[in-house]
Amino acid sequence: MPPHADERNHDDELGFSSSLLAHLAGSRDQLNEFVDRQKTRADAAHKTNAVTVSSEQDEIEALYQRLKAIQAERGLLQASSSSSSAAAAAGMARRRAELQETQLERETELTELKRLHAEKQQELDEIMNEEAAQRARAEKARHQKEEVEEMKQTTVDDLTKGIVNYKHLGLDFEKAARGSLRFTFTLLDREMPSRPFVFSLNVTEELYEVEECTPPLDPHTVQELVDQLNSTEPAEFSPFIRGMRKYFSNGLPSYMTRSVSFA
């Protein structure tokens, strides 16, 4: 019968510490905050650039219209014939070039912010995917553990029912150390029917093993029976119990043995 351990922390049982999951969640929150800040910065820069460009363009347009009005008043509509008109046009050209350069700088900065945002978003996605994978592995391990525990309990229940039926044929059992079961055969020795023949059965790493055998039996012979028990799904105990009784009986002289049938 498998041992029953005390309930432990769910994450510790599965090998995933709560500190790891908390670290992943904290990293995700930090990246989210960083991404939000960068996006806000990029939006603000884009808005500021748009407002600046629009304001400067309006200013240039106003100056241009004013110049045209002055030229119209003075009869100087042909800018090419006026040095003052040429100077004003050159000034506007310089101003326009400055605005274009400023706009290019803002666009370059915005492009860099978008690139940085994409990188951080990718890092965030990778962390979230890893966190989801960790949780999926933990959930899978939890289900597997529950299935193993359920299988063990079902096996023990079936074994208990079978052994109760065998008691009147000289087989008894009791709980032993570390959750194992100690089986006791009697009615084997004709001259001493109450003489006990004992072995203990335990589960280690989801496999059954015989820990105690009195009187001793050949280890290789016992291991063959244990291997057969571990190879069946679910475990078939009747052949195993019959085999152990047979080997105990084989160790006695023929005149001392009694015949008892375990169906």
Protein backbone atom coordinates (compact mmCIF):
# COMPACT_ATOMS: atom_id res chain seq x y z
CA MET A 1 0.00 0.00 0.00
CA PRO A 2 1.57 3.39 -1.03
CA PRO A 3 2.48 5.80 1.73
CA HIS A 4 0.33 8.90 2.23
CA ALA A 5 2.37 12.12 2.59
CA ASP A 6 1.06 15.27 4.23
CA GLU A 7 -0.41 17.91 1.97
CA ARG A 8 2.19 20.39 0.83
CA ASN A 9 2.20 23.62 -1.04
CA HIS A 10 0.72 22.97 -4.50
CA ASP A 11 3.56 24.67 -6.38
CA ASP A 12 6.25 22.88 -4.33
CA GLU A 13 4.70 19.47 -5.02
CA LEU A 14 4.93 20.08 -8.72
CA GLY A 15 8.44 21.52 -8.74
CA PHE A 16 7.33 25.09 -9.67
CA SER A 17 7.92 27.54 -6.84
CA SER A 18 5.52 30.39 -6.21
CA SER A 19 8.52 32.75 -6.28
CA LEU A 20 9.20 31.81 -9.93
CA LEU A 21 5.60 32.47 -10.96
CA ALA A 22 5.61 35.73 -8.96
CA HIS A 23 8.86 36.77 -10.69
CA LEU A 24 7.36 36.07 -14.10
CA ALA A 25 4.23 38.04 -13.23
CA GLY A 26 6.34 40.94 -11.91
CA SER A 27 8.46 40.99 -15.08
CA ARG A 28 5.32 41.04 -17.17
CA ASP A 29 3.91 44.00 -15.17
CA GLN A 30 7.18 45.93 -15.49
CA LEU A 31 7.26 45.39 -19.25
CA ASN A 32 3.61 46.45 -19.53
CA GLU A 33 4.40 49.67 -17.66
CA PHE A 34 7.46 50.32 -19.83
CA VAL A 35 5.52 49.70 -23.04
CA ASP A 36 2.71 52.01 -21.90
CA ARG A 37 5.22 54.76 -21.07
CA GLN A 38 6.96 54.42 -24.43
CA LYS A 39 3.65 54.46 -26.29
CA THR A 40 2.52 57.57 -24.39
CA ARG A 41 5.85 59.22 -25.16
CA ALA A 42 5.59 58.34 -28.84
CA ASP A 43 1.99 59.60 -29.05
CA ALA A 44 2.96 62.84 -27.32
CA ALA A 45 5.94 63.34 -29.63
CA HIS A 46 3.82 62.69 -32.69
CA LYS A 47 1.13 65.07 -31.49
CA THR A 48 3.66 67.78 -30.61
CA ASN A 49 5.36 67.41 -33.99
CA ALA A 50 2.03 67.64 -35.80
CA VAL A 51 1.03 70.76 -33.84
CA THR A 52 4.45 72.38 -34.41
CA VAL A 53 4.42 71.68 -38.15
CA SER A 54 0.86 72.93 -38.50
CA SER A 55 1.61 76.10 -36.52
CA GLU A 56 4.76 76.86 -38.52
CA GLN A 57 2.96 76.24 -41.80
CA ASP A 58 0.18 78.58 -40.74
CA GLU A 59 2.77 81.20 -39.83
CA ILE A 60 4.53 80.85 -43.17
CA GLU A 61 1.23 81.03 -45.03
CA ALA A 62 0.27 84.18 -43.11
CA LEU A 63 3.64 85.80 -43.90
CA TYR A 64 3.29 84.82 -47.53
CA GLN A 65 -0.17 86.32 -47.79
CA ARG A 66 1.06 89.49 -46.08
CA LEU A 67 3.96 89.71 -48.52
CA LYS A 68 1.63 89.30 -51.46
CA ALA A 69 -0.58 92.07 -50.07
CA ILE A 70 2.37 94.41 -49.66
CA GLN A 71 3.64 93.55 -53.13
CA ALA A 72 0.18 94.20 -54.56
CA GLU A 73 0.02 97.57 -52.88
CA ARG A 74 3.42 98.56 -54.25
CA GLY A 75 2.89 97.03 -57.65
CA LEU A 76 5.63 94.48 -57.09
CA LEU A 77 3.80 91.22 -57.74
CA GLN A 78 6.72 89.84 -59.75
CA ALA A 79 9.04 88.66 -56.97
CA SER A 80 11.90 87.97 -59.36
CA SER A 81 12.23 91.71 -60.10
CA SER A 82 12.41 92.74 -56.46
CA SER A 83 15.38 92.14 -54.17
CA SER A 84 13.16 92.44 -51.08
CA SER A 85 10.82 89.83 -52.51
CA ALA A 86 13.81 87.55 -53.22
CA ALA A 87 15.04 87.96 -49.63
CA ALA A 88 11.60 87.16 -48.25
CA ALA A 89 11.35 84.09 -50.49
CA ALA A 90 14.79 82.96 -49.37
CA GLY A 91 13.79 83.41 -45.73
CA MET A 92 10.65 81.37 -46.27
CA ALA A 93 12.67 78.70 -48.03
CA ARG A 94 15.07 78.51 -45.12
CA ARG A 95 12.21 78.35 -42.67
CA ARG A 96 10.53 75.62 -44.71
CA ALA A 97 13.78 73.65 -44.80
CA GLU A 98 14.12 73.99 -41.03
CA LEU A 99 10.60 72.74 -40.57
CA GLN A 100 11.25 69.79 -42.86
CA GLU A 101 14.41 68.96 -40.90
CA THR A 102 12.51 69.17 -37.60
CA GLN A 103 9.76 66.96 -38.99
CA LEU A 104 12.34 64.43 -40.19
CA GLU A 105 13.90 64.35 -36.71
CA ARG A 106 10.50 63.81 -35.11
CA GLU A 107 9.67 61.05 -37.57
CA THR A 108 13.04 59.39 -36.91
CA GLU A 109 12.44 59.56 -33.18
CA LEU A 110 8.93 58.18 -33.62
CA THR A 111 10.27 55.30 -35.74
CA GLU A 112 12.84 54.46 -33.05
CA LEU A 113 10.16 54.52 -30.37
CA LYS A 114 7.99 52.19 -32.43
CA ARG A 115 10.93 49.81 -32.92
CA LEU A 116 11.67 49.82 -29.20
CA HIS A 117 7.99 49.27 -28.46
CA ALA A 118 7.93 46.26 -30.80
CA GLU A 119 11.01 44.75 -29.12
CA LYS A 120 9.56 45.16 -25.63
CA GLN A 121 6.23 43.80 -26.79
CA GLN A 122 8.00 40.73 -28.16
CA GLU A 123 9.82 40.24 -24.83
CA LEU A 124 6.53 40.59 -23.00
CA ASP A 125 4.88 38.04 -25.29
CA GLU A 126 7.74 35.60 -24.72
CA ILE A 127 7.47 35.96 -20.94
CA MET A 128 3.70 35.51 -21.06
CA ASN A 129 4.07 32.45 -23.28
CA GLU A 130 6.66 30.96 -20.91
CA GLU A 131 4.40 31.67 -17.95
CA ALA A 132 1.50 29.98 -19.74
CA ALA A 133 3.72 26.99 -20.56
CA GLN A 134 4.85 26.74 -16.92
CA ARG A 135 1.26 26.78 -15.75
CA ALA A 136 0.27 24.18 -18.36
CA ARG A 137 3.11 21.88 -17.23
CA ALA A 138 2.11 22.38 -13.60
CA GLU A 139 -1.52 21.57 -14.40
CA LYS A 140 -0.51 18.48 -16.36
CA ALA A 141 1.68 17.29 -13.49
CA ARG A 142 -1.15 17.88 -11.05
CA HIS A 143 -3.55 15.79 -13.16
CA GLN A 144 -0.97 13.03 -13.47
CA LYS A 145 -0.43 13.01 -9.71
CA GLU A 146 -4.18 12.82 -9.11
CA GLU A 147 -4.49 9.92 -11.58
CA VAL A 148 -1.65 8.03 -9.88
CA GLU A 149 -3.16 8.56 -6.44
CA GLU A 150 -6.56 7.44 -7.70
CA MET A 151 -5.03 4.35 -9.31
CA LYS A 152 -3.15 3.50 -6.11
CA GLN A 153 -6.28 3.84 -4.00
CA THR A 154 -8.29 1.68 -6.39
CA THR A 155 -5.57 -0.97 -6.34
CA VAL A 156 -5.44 -0.99 -2.54
CA ASP A 157 -9.22 -1.26 -2.31
CA ASP A 158 -9.29 -4.21 -4.71
CA LEU A 159 -6.42 -5.84 -2.84
CA THR A 160 -8.20 -5.41 0.50
CA LYS A 161 -11.38 -7.07 -0.79
CA GLY A 162 -9.42 -10.00 -2.18
CA ILE A 163 -7.42 -10.52 0.98
CA VAL A 164 -10.54 -10.56 3.15
CA ASN A 165 -11.79 -13.45 1.04
CA TYR A 166 -8.48 -15.29 1.57
CA LYS A 167 -8.34 -14.98 5.36
CA HIS A 168 -10.21 -18.19 5.98
CA LEU A 169 -7.66 -19.96 3.78
CA GLY A 170 -4.72 -18.97 6.00
CA LEU A 171 -3.85 -15.50 4.69
CA ASP A 172 -3.89 -12.33 6.80
CA PHE A 173 -2.45 -8.86 6.38
CA GLU A 174 -1.83 -5.67 8.34
CA LYS A 175 -0.38 -2.23 7.85
CA ALA A 176 3.35 -2.01 8.45
CA ALA A 177 5.94 0.76 8.59
CA ARG A 178 5.91 3.53 5.96
CA GLY A 179 2.49 2.54 4.69
CA SER A 180 3.44 -0.92 3.46
CA LEU A 181 1.33 -4.09 3.84
CA ARG A 182 2.59 -7.13 5.75
CA PHE A 183 1.15 -10.44 4.49
CA THR A 184 1.13 -13.50 6.75
CA PHE A 185 0.50 -17.04 5.52
CA THR A 186 -0.42 -19.84 7.91
CA LEU A 187 -1.68 -23.39 7.33
CA LEU A 188 1.48 -24.18 5.36
CA ASP A 189 3.34 -26.29 7.91
CA ARG A 190 1.35 -29.48 8.58
CA GLU A 191 3.05 -30.04 11.91
CA MET A 192 2.69 -26.39 12.98
CA PRO A 193 -0.34 -24.85 11.16
CA SER A 194 -0.03 -21.53 13.02
CA ARG A 195 3.58 -21.01 11.92
CA PRO A 196 3.77 -17.64 10.09
CA PHE A 197 5.35 -17.08 6.67
CA VAL A 198 5.63 -13.34 6.20
CA PHE A 199 6.48 -10.78 3.51
CA SER A 200 5.89 -7.02 3.20
CA LEU A 201 4.81 -5.22 0.03
CA ASN A 202 5.49 -1.54 -0.56
CA VAL A 203 5.29 0.98 -3.43
CA THR A 204 8.35 3.02 -4.41
CA GLU A 205 8.29 5.40 -7.41
CA GLU A 206 4.92 3.91 -8.44
CA LEU A 207 6.33 0.35 -8.46
CA TYR A 208 5.71 -2.49 -6.03
CA GLU A 209 8.57 -4.15 -4.19
CA VAL A 210 8.97 -6.82 -1.50
CA GLU A 211 10.87 -5.44 1.50
CA GLU A 212 10.65 -8.24 4.07
CA CYS A 213 10.54 -12.01 3.66
CA THR A 214 10.51 -14.48 6.60
CA PRO A 215 11.66 -17.16 6.20
CA PRO A 216 13.94 -15.87 3.41
CA LEU A 217 13.20 -16.78 -0.20
CA ASP A 218 15.46 -16.69 -3.25
CA PRO A 219 15.65 -12.95 -4.20
CA HIS A 220 15.64 -13.67 -7.95
CA THR A 221 12.54 -15.82 -7.64
CA VAL A 222 10.71 -13.15 -5.64
CA GLN A 223 11.80 -10.42 -8.08
CA GLU A 224 10.29 -12.36 -10.99
CA LEU A 225 6.92 -12.31 -9.23
CA VAL A 226 7.29 -8.58 -8.45
CA ASP A 227 8.17 -7.82 -12.08
CA GLN A 228 5.05 -9.66 -13.24
CA LEU A 229 2.95 -7.67 -10.74
CA ASN A 230 4.38 -4.35 -11.94
CA SER A 231 3.86 -5.28 -15.58
CA THR A 232 0.05 -5.62 -15.29
CA GLU A 233 -2.35 -2.70 -15.51
CA PRO A 234 -4.20 -2.72 -13.24
CA ALA A 235 -2.01 -4.85 -10.95
CA GLU A 236 -3.15 -8.48 -10.66
CA PHE A 237 -2.55 -9.55 -7.07
CA SER A 238 -4.05 -13.03 -7.08
CA PRO A 239 -1.23 -14.59 -9.17
CA PHE A 240 1.35 -12.73 -7.09
CA ILE A 241 -0.08 -13.96 -3.75
CA ARG A 242 -0.40 -17.51 -5.04
CA GLY A 243 3.20 -17.39 -6.23
CA MET A 244 4.54 -16.15 -2.89
CA ARG A 245 2.64 -18.88 -1.03
CA LYS A 246 3.95 -21.48 -3.46
CA TYR A 247 7.57 -20.42 -2.89
CA PHE A 248 7.13 -20.49 0.89
CA SER A 249 5.58 -23.95 0.56
CA ASN A 250 8.41 -25.16 -1.69
CA GLY A 251 10.85 -24.38 1.09
CA LEU A 252 9.25 -26.99 3.35
CA PRO A 253 9.72 -30.75 3.18
CA SER A 254 6.87 -32.34 1.27
CA TYR A 255 5.52 -34.21 4.32
CA MET A 256 5.12 -30.90 6.17
CA THR A 257 3.08 -29.04 3.54
CA ARG A 258 -0.67 -28.63 3.25
CA SER A 259 -2.63 -27.91 0.11
CA VAL A 260 -4.76 -24.73 0.10
CA SER A 261 -6.25 -23.29 -3.07
CA PHE A 262 -6.30 -19.53 -3.81
CA ALA A 263 -8.56 -19.08 -6.82
